[in-house]
Amino acid sequence: MDMPTRTISWIKAARKAFDEFLLEAQERITDALVIAARGEKAGIAKPMRGFGSGVFEIALPYQGEAYRTVYAVQMGEEVWVIHAFQKKSTQGIKTPQREIDVIRERITRLKERLT
């Protein structure tokens, strides 16, 4: 029995940032989000530490750039895209603290909105 595909919802600022990604990067990340909406996990997605279960980061290296999209699967009925950003640093894979702060803030606000 197939699970129904969930709706993919976006925090407005995350959508705005995502729309600035290269089209090919948008397409590959969208494919990964659709896989998440079907209840599975794409190969380029991994659990994001420090936010509890259900928060994942899609990490896409593409043409020398690093595109990141963070989504949550345990917020209501939908898959919520929390944050999208282009990682500028080529040093290491660690997510910059300012991005972590944005993600934490948006998750808090989203939880408040959904309860």
C-alpha atoms as a PDB file:
ATOM      1  CA  MET A   1       0.000   0.000   0.000  1.00  0.00           C
ATOM      2  CA  ASP A   2       1.492   3.325  -1.072  1.00  0.00           C
ATOM      3  CA  MET A   3       1.671   6.215   1.349  1.00  0.00           C
ATOM      4  CA  PRO A   4      -0.040   9.307   0.014  1.00  0.00           C
ATOM      5  CA  THR A   5       2.349  12.007  -1.121  1.00  0.00           C
ATOM      6  CA  ARG A   6       2.410  14.874   1.366  1.00  0.00           C
ATOM      7  CA  THR A   7       2.199  18.526   0.420  1.00  0.00           C
ATOM      8  CA  ILE A   8       5.489  20.448   0.298  1.00  0.00           C
ATOM      9  CA  SER A   9       5.042  23.803   2.049  1.00  0.00           C
ATOM     10  CA  TRP A  10       7.549  26.634   2.149  1.00  0.00           C
ATOM     11  CA  ILE A  11       8.446  29.322   4.629  1.00  0.00           C
ATOM     12  CA  LYS A  12       8.298  32.392   2.399  1.00  0.00           C
ATOM     13  CA  ALA A  13      11.914  33.490   2.963  1.00  0.00           C
ATOM     14  CA  ALA A  14      13.145  29.957   2.183  1.00  0.00           C
ATOM     15  CA  ARG A  15      11.217  29.975  -1.113  1.00  0.00           C
ATOM     16  CA  LYS A  16      12.654  33.366  -2.048  1.00  0.00           C
ATOM     17  CA  ALA A  17      16.226  32.177  -1.433  1.00  0.00           C
ATOM     18  CA  PHE A  18      15.584  28.879  -3.242  1.00  0.00           C
ATOM     19  CA  ASP A  19      14.284  30.741  -6.297  1.00  0.00           C
ATOM     20  CA  GLU A  20      17.727  32.363  -6.631  1.00  0.00           C
ATOM     21  CA  PHE A  21      19.505  28.998  -6.962  1.00  0.00           C
ATOM     22  CA  LEU A  22      20.635  27.886 -10.414  1.00  0.00           C
ATOM     23  CA  LEU A  23      17.755  26.181 -12.217  1.00  0.00           C
ATOM     24  CA  GLU A  24      19.544  22.820 -12.361  1.00  0.00           C
ATOM     25  CA  ALA A  25      20.197  22.966  -8.590  1.00  0.00           C
ATOM     26  CA  GLN A  26      16.517  23.830  -7.993  1.00  0.00           C
ATOM     27  CA  GLU A  27      15.439  20.819 -10.064  1.00  0.00           C
ATOM     28  CA  ARG A  28      17.720  18.357  -8.226  1.00  0.00           C
ATOM     29  CA  ILE A  29      16.655  19.666  -4.805  1.00  0.00           C
ATOM     30  CA  THR A  30      12.982  19.627  -5.810  1.00  0.00           C
ATOM     31  CA  ASP A  31      13.383  15.963  -6.790  1.00  0.00           C
ATOM     32  CA  ALA A  32      14.785  15.249  -3.293  1.00  0.00           C
ATOM     33  CA  LEU A  33      11.839  17.111  -1.686  1.00  0.00           C
ATOM     34  CA  VAL A  34       9.342  15.065  -3.715  1.00  0.00           C
ATOM     35  CA  ILE A  35      11.060  11.889  -2.465  1.00  0.00           C
ATOM     36  CA  ALA A  36      10.659  13.238   1.108  1.00  0.00           C
ATOM     37  CA  ALA A  37       6.982  13.976   0.436  1.00  0.00           C
ATOM     38  CA  ARG A  38       6.573  10.292  -0.484  1.00  0.00           C
ATOM     39  CA  GLY A  39       7.961   9.345   2.925  1.00  0.00           C
ATOM     40  CA  GLU A  40      11.426   8.368   1.741  1.00  0.00           C
ATOM     41  CA  LYS A  41      14.855   9.992   1.930  1.00  0.00           C
ATOM     42  CA  ALA A  42      16.881  11.054  -1.096  1.00  0.00           C
ATOM     43  CA  GLY A  43      20.549  10.147  -1.285  1.00  0.00           C
ATOM     44  CA  ILE A  44      21.535  13.820  -1.012  1.00  0.00           C
ATOM     45  CA  ALA A  45      19.492  14.324   2.193  1.00  0.00           C
ATOM     46  CA  LYS A  46      20.786  13.629   5.677  1.00  0.00           C
ATOM     47  CA  PRO A  47      19.420  14.133   9.189  1.00  0.00           C
ATOM     48  CA  MET A  48      20.438  17.502  10.594  1.00  0.00           C
ATOM     49  CA  ARG A  49      21.982  17.208  14.042  1.00  0.00           C
ATOM     50  CA  GLY A  50      20.863  19.405  16.918  1.00  0.00           C
ATOM     51  CA  PHE A  51      17.216  19.839  15.926  1.00  0.00           C
ATOM     52  CA  GLY A  52      15.685  16.566  17.085  1.00  0.00           C
ATOM     53  CA  SER A  53      14.350  13.940  14.719  1.00  0.00           C
ATOM     54  CA  GLY A  54      12.566  14.840  11.526  1.00  0.00           C
ATOM     55  CA  VAL A  55      14.781  17.727  10.359  1.00  0.00           C
ATOM     56  CA  PHE A  56      16.866  17.015   7.271  1.00  0.00           C
ATOM     57  CA  GLU A  57      19.366  18.890   5.148  1.00  0.00           C
ATOM     58  CA  ILE A  58      19.688  18.446   1.411  1.00  0.00           C
ATOM     59  CA  ALA A  59      23.301  19.144   0.498  1.00  0.00           C
ATOM     60  CA  LEU A  60      23.933  19.604  -3.201  1.00  0.00           C
ATOM     61  CA  PRO A  61      27.405  20.362  -4.503  1.00  0.00           C
ATOM     62  CA  TYR A  62      26.876  21.759  -7.982  1.00  0.00           C
ATOM     63  CA  GLN A  63      29.333  23.448 -10.351  1.00  0.00           C
ATOM     64  CA  GLY A  64      31.683  24.461  -7.554  1.00  0.00           C
ATOM     65  CA  GLU A  65      28.889  25.840  -5.368  1.00  0.00           C
ATOM     66  CA  ALA A  66      27.224  24.291  -2.326  1.00  0.00           C
ATOM     67  CA  TYR A  67      23.434  24.513  -2.160  1.00  0.00           C
ATOM     68  CA  ARG A  68      21.634  23.656   1.078  1.00  0.00           C
ATOM     69  CA  THR A  69      17.940  23.210   1.748  1.00  0.00           C
ATOM     70  CA  VAL A  70      16.566  22.278   5.169  1.00  0.00           C
ATOM     71  CA  TYR A  71      13.195  20.622   5.583  1.00  0.00           C
ATOM     72  CA  ALA A  72      11.129  19.157   8.417  1.00  0.00           C
ATOM     73  CA  VAL A  73       8.911  16.096   8.132  1.00  0.00           C
ATOM     74  CA  GLN A  74       7.302  16.156  11.579  1.00  0.00           C
ATOM     75  CA  MET A  75       5.488  19.486  11.445  1.00  0.00           C
ATOM     76  CA  GLY A  76       1.826  18.835  10.825  1.00  0.00           C
ATOM     77  CA  GLU A  77       0.752  16.953   7.717  1.00  0.00           C
ATOM     78  CA  GLU A  78       3.138  18.637   5.303  1.00  0.00           C
ATOM     79  CA  VAL A  79       6.830  18.553   4.515  1.00  0.00           C
ATOM     80  CA  TRP A  80       8.017  22.040   5.473  1.00  0.00           C
ATOM     81  CA  VAL A  81      10.966  23.695   3.750  1.00  0.00           C
ATOM     82  CA  ILE A  82      12.520  25.745   6.547  1.00  0.00           C
ATOM     83  CA  HIS A  83      15.590  27.316   4.956  1.00  0.00           C
ATOM     84  CA  ALA A  84      17.529  27.431   1.701  1.00  0.00           C
ATOM     85  CA  PHE A  85      20.953  28.964   1.304  1.00  0.00           C
ATOM     86  CA  GLN A  86      24.061  28.834  -0.772  1.00  0.00           C
ATOM     87  CA  LYS A  87      27.060  27.956   1.331  1.00  0.00           C
ATOM     88  CA  LYS A  88      29.868  30.283   0.396  1.00  0.00           C
ATOM     89  CA  SER A  89      32.735  28.766   2.343  1.00  0.00           C
ATOM     90  CA  THR A  90      34.721  26.060   0.647  1.00  0.00           C
ATOM     91  CA  GLN A  91      36.293  25.183   4.007  1.00  0.00           C
ATOM     92  CA  GLY A  92      34.713  22.077   5.447  1.00  0.00           C
ATOM     93  CA  ILE A  93      31.121  20.925   5.362  1.00  0.00           C
ATOM     94  CA  LYS A  94      30.004  22.482   8.625  1.00  0.00           C
ATOM     95  CA  THR A  95      26.868  24.618   8.424  1.00  0.00           C
ATOM     96  CA  PRO A  96      27.688  28.223   9.439  1.00  0.00           C
ATOM     97  CA  GLN A  97      26.341  29.269  12.858  1.00  0.00           C
ATOM     98  CA  ARG A  98      24.255  32.120  11.399  1.00  0.00           C
ATOM     99  CA  GLU A  99      22.411  29.587   9.224  1.00  0.00           C
ATOM    100  CA  ILE A 100      21.857  27.303  12.249  1.00  0.00           C
ATOM    101  CA  ASP A 101      20.367  30.299  14.104  1.00  0.00           C
ATOM    102  CA  VAL A 102      17.989  31.048  11.204  1.00  0.00           C
ATOM    103  CA  ILE A 103      16.880  27.408  11.063  1.00  0.00           C
ATOM    104  CA  ARG A 104      16.288  27.247  14.831  1.00  0.00           C
ATOM    105  CA  GLU A 105      14.296  30.509  14.772  1.00  0.00           C
ATOM    106  CA  ARG A 106      12.128  29.403  11.839  1.00  0.00           C
ATOM    107  CA  ILE A 107      11.392  25.994  13.378  1.00  0.00           C
ATOM    108  CA  THR A 108      10.305  27.699  16.615  1.00  0.00           C
ATOM    109  CA  ARG A 109       8.008  30.120  14.760  1.00  0.00           C
ATOM    110  CA  LEU A 110       6.582  27.363  12.572  1.00  0.00           C
ATOM    111  CA  LYS A 111       5.795  25.147  15.587  1.00  0.00           C
ATOM    112  CA  GLU A 112       3.978  28.094  17.207  1.00  0.00           C
ATOM    113  CA  ARG A 113       2.003  28.720  14.029  1.00  0.00           C
ATOM    114  CA  LEU A 114       0.989  25.085  13.599  1.00  0.00           C
ATOM    115  CA  THR A 115      -0.222  24.474  17.168  1.00  0.00           C
END
